[in-house]
PDB file of all heavy atoms in Angstrom:
ATOM      1  N   THR A   1      47.345 179.770 149.513  1.00  0.00           N
ATOM      2  CA  THR A   1      46.038 179.784 148.899  1.00  0.00           C
ATOM      3  C   THR A   1      45.341 178.502 149.038  1.00  0.00           C
ATOM      4  O   THR A   1      44.069 178.432 149.313  1.00  0.00           O
ATOM      5  CB  THR A   1      46.197 180.094 147.405  1.00  0.00           C
ATOM      6  OG1 THR A   1      46.899 181.378 147.245  1.00  0.00           O
ATOM      7  CG2 THR A   1      44.815 180.249 146.659  1.00  0.00           C
ATOM      8  N   GLY A   2      46.033 177.353 148.991  1.00  0.00           N
ATOM      9  CA  GLY A   2      45.424 176.064 149.170  1.00  0.00           C
ATOM     10  C   GLY A   2      44.988 175.873 150.519  1.00  0.00           C
ATOM     11  O   GLY A   2      43.907 175.310 150.862  1.00  0.00           O
ATOM     12  N   VAL A   3      45.823 176.330 151.552  1.00  0.00           N
ATOM     13  CA  VAL A   3      45.440 176.141 152.921  1.00  0.00           C
ATOM     14  C   VAL A   3      44.181 176.983 153.227  1.00  0.00           C
ATOM     15  O   VAL A   3      43.250 176.520 153.914  1.00  0.00           O
ATOM     16  CB  VAL A   3      46.603 176.594 153.829  1.00  0.00           C
ATOM     17  CG1 VAL A   3      46.127 176.734 155.305  1.00  0.00           C
ATOM     18  CG2 VAL A   3      47.793 175.621 153.725  1.00  0.00           C
ATOM     19  N   ALA A   4      44.128 178.183 152.658  1.00  0.00           N
ATOM     20  CA  ALA A   4      42.938 179.074 152.910  1.00  0.00           C
ATOM     21  C   ALA A   4      41.703 178.406 152.326  1.00  0.00           C
ATOM     22  O   ALA A   4      40.604 178.541 152.892  1.00  0.00           O
ATOM     23  CB  ALA A   4      43.133 180.420 152.296  1.00  0.00           C
ATOM     24  N   TYR A   5      41.803 177.755 151.212  1.00  0.00           N
ATOM     25  CA  TYR A   5      40.670 177.092 150.546  1.00  0.00           C
ATOM     26  C   TYR A   5      40.168 176.004 151.455  1.00  0.00           C
ATOM     27  O   TYR A   5      38.952 175.922 151.700  1.00  0.00           O
ATOM     28  CB  TYR A   5      41.079 176.494 149.201  1.00  0.00           C
ATOM     29  CG  TYR A   5      40.051 175.558 148.649  1.00  0.00           C
ATOM     30  CD1 TYR A   5      38.756 176.038 148.214  1.00  0.00           C
ATOM     31  CD2 TYR A   5      40.360 174.263 148.352  1.00  0.00           C
ATOM     32  CE1 TYR A   5      37.844 175.200 147.684  1.00  0.00           C
ATOM     33  CE2 TYR A   5      39.394 173.386 147.816  1.00  0.00           C
ATOM     34  CZ  TYR A   5      38.129 173.921 147.472  1.00  0.00           C
ATOM     35  OH  TYR A   5      37.200 172.991 146.933  1.00  0.00           O
ATOM     36  N   LEU A   6      40.981 175.149 152.060  1.00  0.00           N
ATOM     37  CA  LEU A   6      40.453 174.131 152.974  1.00  0.00           C
ATOM     38  C   LEU A   6      39.925 174.702 154.181  1.00  0.00           C
ATOM     39  O   LEU A   6      38.948 174.226 154.704  1.00  0.00           O
ATOM     40  CB  LEU A   6      41.635 173.192 153.253  1.00  0.00           C
ATOM     41  CG  LEU A   6      41.637 171.868 152.377  1.00  0.00           C
ATOM     42  CD1 LEU A   6      41.985 172.281 151.014  1.00  0.00           C
ATOM     43  CD2 LEU A   6      42.676 170.859 153.003  1.00  0.00           C
ATOM     44  N   GLN A   7      40.525 175.753 154.690  1.00  0.00           N
ATOM     45  CA  GLN A   7      40.000 176.435 155.897  1.00  0.00           C
ATOM     46  C   GLN A   7      38.580 176.898 155.716  1.00  0.00           C
ATOM     47  O   GLN A   7      37.716 176.813 156.586  1.00  0.00           O
ATOM     48  CB  GLN A   7      40.894 177.585 156.346  1.00  0.00           C
ATOM     49  CG  GLN A   7      42.214 177.163 156.955  1.00  0.00           C
ATOM     50  CD  GLN A   7      43.125 178.391 157.206  1.00  0.00           C
ATOM     51  OE1 GLN A   7      42.952 179.428 156.648  1.00  0.00           O
ATOM     52  NE2 GLN A   7      44.120 178.208 158.107  1.00  0.00           N
ATOM     53  N   SER A   8      38.292 177.399 154.488  1.00  0.00           N
ATOM     54  CA  SER A   8      36.973 177.973 154.212  1.00  0.00           C
ATOM     55  C   SER A   8      35.956 176.944 153.869  1.00  0.00           C
ATOM     56  O   SER A   8      34.772 177.194 153.765  1.00  0.00           O
ATOM     57  CB  SER A   8      37.083 178.990 153.141  1.00  0.00           C
ATOM     58  OG  SER A   8      37.515 178.416 151.941  1.00  0.00           O
ATOM     59  N   ASN A   9      36.417 175.679 153.698  1.00  0.00           N
ATOM     60  CA  ASN A   9      35.475 174.623 153.293  1.00  0.00           C
ATOM     61  C   ASN A   9      35.723 173.370 154.179  1.00  0.00           C
ATOM     62  O   ASN A   9      35.661 172.227 153.717  1.00  0.00           O
ATOM     63  CB  ASN A   9      35.677 174.208 151.862  1.00  0.00           C
ATOM     64  CG  ASN A   9      35.248 175.289 150.895  1.00  0.00           C
ATOM     65  OD1 ASN A   9      34.183 175.435 150.494  1.00  0.00           O
ATOM     66  ND2 ASN A   9      36.265 176.121 150.511  1.00  0.00           N
ATOM     67  N   SER A  10      35.901 173.683 155.520  1.00  0.00           N
ATOM     68  CA  SER A  10      36.340 172.593 156.431  1.00  0.00           C
ATOM     69  C   SER A  10      35.305 171.569 156.795  1.00  0.00           C
ATOM     70  O   SER A  10      35.606 170.622 157.477  1.00  0.00           O
ATOM     71  CB  SER A  10      36.991 173.245 157.679  1.00  0.00           C
ATOM     72  OG  SER A  10      36.044 174.082 158.335  1.00  0.00           O
ATOM     73  N   ASN A  11      34.023 171.846 156.403  1.00  0.00           N
ATOM     74  CA  ASN A  11      32.906 170.948 156.768  1.00  0.00           C
ATOM     75  C   ASN A  11      32.308 170.201 155.608  1.00  0.00           C
ATOM     76  O   ASN A  11      31.220 169.589 155.772  1.00  0.00           O
ATOM     77  CB  ASN A  11      31.900 171.689 157.550  1.00  0.00           C
ATOM     78  CG  ASN A  11      32.367 172.241 158.922  1.00  0.00           C
ATOM     79  OD1 ASN A  11      33.091 171.526 159.529  1.00  0.00           O
ATOM     80  ND2 ASN A  11      32.097 173.438 159.185  1.00  0.00           N
ATOM     81  N   GLY A  12      32.936 170.211 154.434  1.00  0.00           N
ATOM     82  CA  GLY A  12      32.365 169.583 153.288  1.00  0.00           C
ATOM     83  C   GLY A  12      33.361 169.103 152.292  1.00  0.00           C
ATOM     84  O   GLY A  12      34.468 168.835 152.614  1.00  0.00           O
ATOM     85  N   LEU A  13      32.845 168.947 151.054  1.00  0.00           N
ATOM     86  CA  LEU A  13      33.652 168.480 149.976  1.00  0.00           C
ATOM     87  C   LEU A  13      34.597 169.559 149.430  1.00  0.00           C
ATOM     88  O   LEU A  13      34.186 170.740 149.291  1.00  0.00           O
ATOM     89  CB  LEU A  13      32.739 167.915 148.830  1.00  0.00           C
ATOM     90  CG  LEU A  13      31.909 166.718 149.136  1.00  0.00           C
ATOM     91  CD1 LEU A  13      31.168 166.293 147.889  1.00  0.00           C
ATOM     92  CD2 LEU A  13      32.766 165.558 149.570  1.00  0.00           C
ATOM     93  N   VAL A  14      35.821 169.086 149.068  1.00  0.00           N
ATOM     94  CA  VAL A  14      36.758 170.032 148.459  1.00  0.00           C
ATOM     95  C   VAL A  14      37.240 169.285 147.181  1.00  0.00           C
ATOM     96  O   VAL A  14      37.308 168.083 147.117  1.00  0.00           O
ATOM     97  CB  VAL A  14      37.972 170.428 149.323  1.00  0.00           C
ATOM     98  CG1 VAL A  14      37.490 171.261 150.503  1.00  0.00           C
ATOM     99  CG2 VAL A  14      38.730 169.208 149.837  1.00  0.00           C
ATOM    100  N   VAL A  15      37.673 170.126 146.180  1.00  0.00           N
ATOM    101  CA  VAL A  15      38.153 169.608 144.956  1.00  0.00           C
ATOM    102  C   VAL A  15      39.435 170.353 144.487  1.00  0.00           C
ATOM    103  O   VAL A  15      39.522 171.566 144.777  1.00  0.00           O
ATOM    104  CB  VAL A  15      37.078 169.652 143.875  1.00  0.00           C
ATOM    105  CG1 VAL A  15      36.591 171.061 143.562  1.00  0.00           C
ATOM    106  CG2 VAL A  15      37.569 168.928 142.581  1.00  0.00           C
ATOM    107  N   MET A  16      40.303 169.700 143.824  1.00  0.00           N
ATOM    108  CA  MET A  16      41.512 170.332 143.250  1.00  0.00           C
ATOM    109  C   MET A  16      41.762 169.722 141.939  1.00  0.00           C
ATOM    110  O   MET A  16      41.645 168.492 141.756  1.00  0.00           O
ATOM    111  CB  MET A  16      42.712 170.244 144.220  1.00  0.00           C
ATOM    112  CG  MET A  16      43.104 168.853 144.600  1.00  0.00           C
ATOM    113  SD  MET A  16      43.457 168.620 146.346  1.00  0.00           S
ATOM    114  CE  MET A  16      41.950 168.943 147.201  1.00  0.00           C
ATOM    115  N   GLY A  17      42.207 170.567 141.017  1.00  0.00           N
ATOM    116  CA  GLY A  17      42.694 170.016 139.695  1.00  0.00           C
ATOM    117  C   GLY A  17      44.213 169.906 139.772  1.00  0.00           C
ATOM    118  O   GLY A  17      44.866 170.487 140.552  1.00  0.00           O
ATOM    119  N   GLY A  18      44.669 169.125 138.773  1.00  0.00           N
ATOM    120  CA  GLY A  18      46.178 168.923 138.654  1.00  0.00           C
ATOM    121  C   GLY A  18      46.637 168.920 137.239  1.00  0.00           C
ATOM    122  O   GLY A  18      45.951 168.244 136.373  1.00  0.00           O
ATOM    123  N   ALA A  19      47.681 169.491 136.965  1.00  0.00           N
ATOM    124  CA  ALA A  19      48.257 169.521 135.607  1.00  0.00           C
ATOM    125  C   ALA A  19      49.868 169.513 135.622  1.00  0.00           C
ATOM    126  O   ALA A  19      50.407 170.107 136.597  1.00  0.00           O
ATOM    127  CB  ALA A  19      47.774 170.709 134.821  1.00  0.00           C
ATOM    128  N   VAL A  20      50.439 168.960 134.677  1.00  0.00           N
ATOM    129  CA  VAL A  20      51.869 169.022 134.510  1.00  0.00           C
ATOM    130  C   VAL A  20      52.090 170.324 133.749  1.00  0.00           C
ATOM    131  O   VAL A  20      51.677 170.510 132.570  1.00  0.00           O
ATOM    132  CB  VAL A  20      52.393 167.815 133.686  1.00  0.00           C
ATOM    133  CG1 VAL A  20      53.920 168.038 133.526  1.00  0.00           C
ATOM    134  CG2 VAL A  20      52.129 166.523 134.414  1.00  0.00           C
ATOM    135  N   THR A  21      52.741 171.295 134.381  1.00  0.00           N
ATOM    136  CA  THR A  21      52.880 172.648 133.874  1.00  0.00           C
ATOM    137  C   THR A  21      54.251 172.979 133.195  1.00  0.00           C
ATOM    138  O   THR A  21      54.534 174.064 132.932  1.00  0.00           O
ATOM    139  CB  THR A  21      52.637 173.651 134.967  1.00  0.00           C
ATOM    140  OG1 THR A  21      53.433 173.288 136.157  1.00  0.00           O
ATOM    141  CG2 THR A  21      51.180 173.658 135.427  1.00  0.00           C
ATOM    142  N   THR A  22      54.975 171.865 132.918  1.00  0.00           N
ATOM    143  CA  THR A  22      56.307 172.040 132.232  1.00  0.00           C
ATOM    144  C   THR A  22      56.285 171.323 130.870  1.00  0.00           C
ATOM    145  O   THR A  22      57.348 170.904 130.439  1.00  0.00           O
ATOM    146  CB  THR A  22      57.409 171.568 133.107  1.00  0.00           C
ATOM    147  OG1 THR A  22      57.104 170.262 133.650  1.00  0.00           O
ATOM    148  CG2 THR A  22      57.621 172.574 134.317  1.00  0.00           C
ATOM    149  N   LEU A  23      55.186 171.145 130.289  1.00  0.00           N
ATOM    150  CA  LEU A  23      55.023 170.369 129.038  1.00  0.00           C
ATOM    151  C   LEU A  23      55.627 171.092 127.810  1.00  0.00           C
ATOM    152  O   LEU A  23      55.322 172.240 127.578  1.00  0.00           O
ATOM    153  CB  LEU A  23      53.582 170.062 128.813  1.00  0.00           C
ATOM    154  CG  LEU A  23      52.897 169.125 129.838  1.00  0.00           C
ATOM    155  CD1 LEU A  23      51.417 168.928 129.461  1.00  0.00           C
ATOM    156  CD2 LEU A  23      53.547 167.846 129.989  1.00  0.00           C
ATOM    157  N   ALA A  24      56.464 170.365 126.997  1.00  0.00           N
ATOM    158  CA  ALA A  24      56.897 170.847 125.779  1.00  0.00           C
ATOM    159  C   ALA A  24      55.979 170.486 124.695  1.00  0.00           C
ATOM    160  O   ALA A  24      55.906 171.107 123.619  1.00  0.00           O
ATOM    161  CB  ALA A  24      58.330 170.318 125.486  1.00  0.00           C
ATOM    162  N   LYS A  25      55.201 169.384 124.892  1.00  0.00           N
ATOM    163  CA  LYS A  25      54.182 168.918 123.951  1.00  0.00           C
ATOM    164  C   LYS A  25      54.815 168.643 122.562  1.00  0.00           C
ATOM    165  O   LYS A  25      54.342 169.076 121.521  1.00  0.00           O
ATOM    166  CB  LYS A  25      53.012 169.905 123.766  1.00  0.00           C
ATOM    167  CG  LYS A  25      52.276 170.167 125.081  1.00  0.00           C
ATOM    168  CD  LYS A  25      51.076 171.141 124.911  1.00  0.00           C
ATOM    169  CE  LYS A  25      50.325 171.279 126.203  1.00  0.00           C
ATOM    170  NZ  LYS A  25      49.160 172.135 126.108  1.00  0.00           N
ATOM    171  N   GLY A  26      55.903 167.836 122.615  1.00  0.00           N
ATOM    172  CA  GLY A  26      56.501 167.385 121.352  1.00  0.00           C
ATOM    173  C   GLY A  26      55.651 166.418 120.514  1.00  0.00           C
ATOM    174  O   GLY A  26      54.693 165.800 121.051  1.00  0.00           O
ATOM    175  N   LEU A  27      55.904 166.292 119.289  1.00  0.00           N
ATOM    176  CA  LEU A  27      55.076 165.470 118.347  1.00  0.00           C
ATOM    177  C   LEU A  27      55.324 164.026 118.601  1.00  0.00           C
ATOM    178  O   LEU A  27      54.464 163.206 118.263  1.00  0.00           O
ATOM    179  CB  LEU A  27      55.369 165.816 116.869  1.00  0.00           C
ATOM    180  CG  LEU A  27      55.138 167.250 116.491  1.00  0.00           C
ATOM    181  CD1 LEU A  27      55.544 167.442 115.042  1.00  0.00           C
ATOM    182  CD2 LEU A  27      53.632 167.544 116.672  1.00  0.00           C
ATOM    183  N   THR A  28      56.436 163.621 119.223  1.00  0.00           N
ATOM    184  CA  THR A  28      56.694 162.240 119.372  1.00  0.00           C
ATOM    185  C   THR A  28      57.071 161.868 120.856  1.00  0.00           C
ATOM    186  O   THR A  28      57.059 160.674 121.170  1.00  0.00           O
ATOM    187  CB  THR A  28      57.892 161.743 118.549  1.00  0.00           C
ATOM    188  OG1 THR A  28      59.051 162.528 118.852  1.00  0.00           O
ATOM    189  CG2 THR A  28      57.560 161.986 117.041  1.00  0.00           C
ATOM    190  N   ASP A  29      57.338 162.777 121.704  1.00  0.00           N
ATOM    191  CA  ASP A  29      57.780 162.514 123.026  1.00  0.00           C
ATOM    192  C   ASP A  29      56.574 162.625 124.056  1.00  0.00           C
ATOM    193  O   ASP A  29      55.875 163.618 124.127  1.00  0.00           O
ATOM    194  CB  ASP A  29      58.918 163.544 123.491  1.00  0.00           C
ATOM    195  CG  ASP A  29      60.162 163.290 122.614  1.00  0.00           C
ATOM    196  OD1 ASP A  29      60.332 162.175 122.163  1.00  0.00           O
ATOM    197  OD2 ASP A  29      60.836 164.306 122.419  1.00  0.00           O
ATOM    198  N   ASN A  30      56.469 161.634 124.858  1.00  0.00           N
ATOM    199  CA  ASN A  30      55.477 161.694 125.960  1.00  0.00           C
ATOM    200  C   ASN A  30      56.080 162.386 127.189  1.00  0.00           C
ATOM    201  O   ASN A  30      57.294 162.415 127.391  1.00  0.00           O
ATOM    202  CB  ASN A  30      55.150 160.258 126.407  1.00  0.00           C
ATOM    203  CG  ASN A  30      54.344 159.517 125.351  1.00  0.00           C
ATOM    204  OD1 ASN A  30      53.477 160.069 124.673  1.00  0.00           O
ATOM    205  ND2 ASN A  30      54.671 158.282 125.205  1.00  0.00           N
ATOM    206  N   GLU A  31      55.228 163.067 127.986  1.00  0.00           N
ATOM    207  CA  GLU A  31      55.586 163.678 129.215  1.00  0.00           C
ATOM    208  C   GLU A  31      54.407 163.480 130.184  1.00  0.00           C
ATOM    209  O   GLU A  31      53.532 164.290 130.268  1.00  0.00           O
ATOM    210  CB  GLU A  31      55.816 165.147 129.070  1.00  0.00           C
ATOM    211  CG  GLU A  31      56.890 165.580 128.063  1.00  0.00           C
ATOM    212  CD  GLU A  31      56.950 167.063 127.739  1.00  0.00           C
ATOM    213  OE1 GLU A  31      57.555 167.763 128.562  1.00  0.00           O
ATOM    214  OE2 GLU A  31      56.310 167.398 126.765  1.00  0.00           O
ATOM    215  N   PHE A  32      54.461 162.392 130.916  1.00  0.00           N
ATOM    216  CA  PHE A  32      53.317 162.102 131.738  1.00  0.00           C
ATOM    217  C   PHE A  32      53.720 161.639 133.185  1.00  0.00           C
ATOM    218  O   PHE A  32      54.879 161.121 133.349  1.00  0.00           O
ATOM    219  CB  PHE A  32      52.363 161.064 131.159  1.00  0.00           C
ATOM    220  CG  PHE A  32      52.981 159.726 130.850  1.00  0.00           C
ATOM    221  CD1 PHE A  32      53.177 158.795 131.815  1.00  0.00           C
ATOM    222  CD2 PHE A  32      53.369 159.409 129.552  1.00  0.00           C
ATOM    223  CE1 PHE A  32      53.726 157.598 131.567  1.00  0.00           C
ATOM    224  CE2 PHE A  32      53.990 158.165 129.270  1.00  0.00           C
ATOM    225  CZ  PHE A  32      54.185 157.295 130.333  1.00  0.00           C
TER     226      PHE A  32
END
């Protein structure tokens, strides 16, 4: 899917978001 996105926008700007997708979101523990 990512390759197809770049192929379809090969002459201009592209953007991608990023997230940590395994977060437990504890009250005291960092995960970064």
